[in-house]
Amino acid sequence: ALQEQARLQTGSAELDRVLGGGLVAGSAVLIGGNPGAGKSTFLLQLLCPLAATQTFLYVTGEEPPELVPMRARRLGRPVV
């Protein structure tokens, strides 16, 4: 029988619901949508607070690498 994996709550009830209760360690989650829809802003708002105790890899194919930390600083989030 499969065991239920421990899940990390993201702080977004809707995202946690879609993910089956939160993020699973070692998993990959693909967030898609139209350019400019707010995917990066949404993810930075969620993941920056969690990064104080967890490690995340943020991969984007849509924007230049230097834009992500610039956006995080603009949102008042620490850049690690």
C-alpha atoms as a PDB file:
ATOM      1  CA  ALA A   1       0.000   0.000   0.000  1.00  0.00           C
ATOM      2  CA  LEU A   2       1.186   3.507  -0.749  1.00  0.00           C
ATOM      3  CA  GLN A   3       1.880   5.780   2.193  1.00  0.00           C
ATOM      4  CA  GLU A   4       0.628   9.342   2.284  1.00  0.00           C
ATOM      5  CA  GLN A   5       3.507  11.788   1.744  1.00  0.00           C
ATOM      6  CA  ALA A   6       4.070  14.640   4.194  1.00  0.00           C
ATOM      7  CA  ARG A   7       3.031  17.925   2.580  1.00  0.00           C
ATOM      8  CA  LEU A   8       4.212  21.483   3.078  1.00  0.00           C
ATOM      9  CA  GLN A   9       1.421  24.045   3.185  1.00  0.00           C
ATOM     10  CA  THR A  10       2.109  26.871   0.703  1.00  0.00           C
ATOM     11  CA  GLY A  11      -0.006  29.571   2.315  1.00  0.00           C
ATOM     12  CA  SER A  12      -2.481  29.463  -0.588  1.00  0.00           C
ATOM     13  CA  ALA A  13      -5.527  27.365   0.234  1.00  0.00           C
ATOM     14  CA  GLU A  14      -6.424  26.977  -3.448  1.00  0.00           C
ATOM     15  CA  LEU A  15      -2.928  25.893  -4.516  1.00  0.00           C
ATOM     16  CA  ASP A  16      -2.712  23.467  -1.587  1.00  0.00           C
ATOM     17  CA  ARG A  17      -6.080  22.032  -2.656  1.00  0.00           C
ATOM     18  CA  VAL A  18      -4.916  21.583  -6.262  1.00  0.00           C
ATOM     19  CA  LEU A  19      -1.685  19.951  -5.053  1.00  0.00           C
ATOM     20  CA  GLY A  20      -3.596  17.476  -2.899  1.00  0.00           C
ATOM     21  CA  GLY A  21      -2.757  19.170   0.388  1.00  0.00           C
ATOM     22  CA  GLY A  22       0.488  21.030  -0.318  1.00  0.00           C
ATOM     23  CA  LEU A  23       3.961  20.542  -1.739  1.00  0.00           C
ATOM     24  CA  VAL A  24       5.695  17.167  -1.474  1.00  0.00           C
ATOM     25  CA  ALA A  25       9.451  17.228  -0.824  1.00  0.00           C
ATOM     26  CA  GLY A  26      11.391  16.374  -3.968  1.00  0.00           C
ATOM     27  CA  SER A  27       8.435  16.952  -6.269  1.00  0.00           C
ATOM     28  CA  ALA A  28       8.240  19.222  -9.295  1.00  0.00           C
ATOM     29  CA  VAL A  29       5.268  21.488  -9.979  1.00  0.00           C
ATOM     30  CA  LEU A  30       4.699  23.118 -13.345  1.00  0.00           C
ATOM     31  CA  ILE A  31       2.789  26.417 -13.292  1.00  0.00           C
ATOM     32  CA  GLY A  32       1.626  27.513 -16.735  1.00  0.00           C
ATOM     33  CA  GLY A  33      -0.301  30.390 -18.204  1.00  0.00           C
ATOM     34  CA  ASN A  34      -0.145  33.296 -20.603  1.00  0.00           C
ATOM     35  CA  PRO A  35       2.837  35.681 -20.447  1.00  0.00           C
ATOM     36  CA  GLY A  36       2.147  38.491 -18.010  1.00  0.00           C
ATOM     37  CA  ALA A  37      -0.542  36.552 -16.116  1.00  0.00           C
ATOM     38  CA  GLY A  38       1.356  36.904 -12.811  1.00  0.00           C
ATOM     39  CA  LYS A  39       2.871  33.437 -12.421  1.00  0.00           C
ATOM     40  CA  SER A  40       6.279  34.680 -11.248  1.00  0.00           C
ATOM     41  CA  THR A  41       4.802  37.233  -8.869  1.00  0.00           C
ATOM     42  CA  PHE A  42       2.451  34.616  -7.397  1.00  0.00           C
ATOM     43  CA  LEU A  43       5.240  32.074  -6.921  1.00  0.00           C
ATOM     44  CA  LEU A  44       7.642  34.576  -5.379  1.00  0.00           C
ATOM     45  CA  GLN A  45       4.973  35.705  -2.917  1.00  0.00           C
ATOM     46  CA  LEU A  46       4.436  32.087  -1.892  1.00  0.00           C
ATOM     47  CA  LEU A  47       7.948  30.677  -1.945  1.00  0.00           C
ATOM     48  CA  CYS A  48      10.036  33.507  -0.462  1.00  0.00           C
ATOM     49  CA  PRO A  49       8.523  33.126   3.036  1.00  0.00           C
ATOM     50  CA  LEU A  50       8.836  29.337   2.830  1.00  0.00           C
ATOM     51  CA  ALA A  51      12.488  29.596   1.728  1.00  0.00           C
ATOM     52  CA  ALA A  52      13.458  30.559   5.283  1.00  0.00           C
ATOM     53  CA  THR A  53      13.083  26.887   6.242  1.00  0.00           C
ATOM     54  CA  GLN A  54      12.947  25.001   2.919  1.00  0.00           C
ATOM     55  CA  THR A  55      15.023  24.856  -0.257  1.00  0.00           C
ATOM     56  CA  PHE A  56      13.335  25.499  -3.598  1.00  0.00           C
ATOM     57  CA  LEU A  57      14.558  25.563  -7.175  1.00  0.00           C
ATOM     58  CA  TYR A  58      12.736  28.141  -9.277  1.00  0.00           C
ATOM     59  CA  VAL A  59      13.156  27.521 -13.020  1.00  0.00           C
ATOM     60  CA  THR A  60      11.744  29.838 -15.652  1.00  0.00           C
ATOM     61  CA  GLY A  61      11.995  29.708 -19.412  1.00  0.00           C
ATOM     62  CA  GLU A  62      10.003  32.866 -19.953  1.00  0.00           C
ATOM     63  CA  GLU A  63      12.089  35.616 -18.381  1.00  0.00           C
ATOM     64  CA  PRO A  64      15.761  36.522 -18.033  1.00  0.00           C
ATOM     65  CA  PRO A  65      17.434  35.159 -14.874  1.00  0.00           C
ATOM     66  CA  GLU A  66      18.230  38.635 -13.513  1.00  0.00           C
ATOM     67  CA  LEU A  67      14.536  39.601 -13.612  1.00  0.00           C
ATOM     68  CA  VAL A  68      13.477  37.108 -10.914  1.00  0.00           C
ATOM     69  CA  PRO A  69      15.556  38.596  -8.047  1.00  0.00           C
ATOM     70  CA  MET A  70      14.636  42.111  -9.219  1.00  0.00           C
ATOM     71  CA  ARG A  71      10.940  41.195  -8.960  1.00  0.00           C
ATOM     72  CA  ALA A  72      11.454  39.611  -5.521  1.00  0.00           C
ATOM     73  CA  ARG A  73      13.119  42.770  -4.214  1.00  0.00           C
ATOM     74  CA  ARG A  74      10.327  44.903  -5.667  1.00  0.00           C
ATOM     75  CA  LEU A  75       7.844  42.729  -3.760  1.00  0.00           C
ATOM     76  CA  GLY A  76       9.858  43.258  -0.581  1.00  0.00           C
ATOM     77  CA  ARG A  77      10.867  39.613  -0.435  1.00  0.00           C
ATOM     78  CA  PRO A  78      14.349  38.480   0.552  1.00  0.00           C
ATOM     79  CA  VAL A  79      16.469  37.048  -2.234  1.00  0.00           C
ATOM     80  CA  VAL A  80      18.472  33.973  -1.253  1.00  0.00           C
END
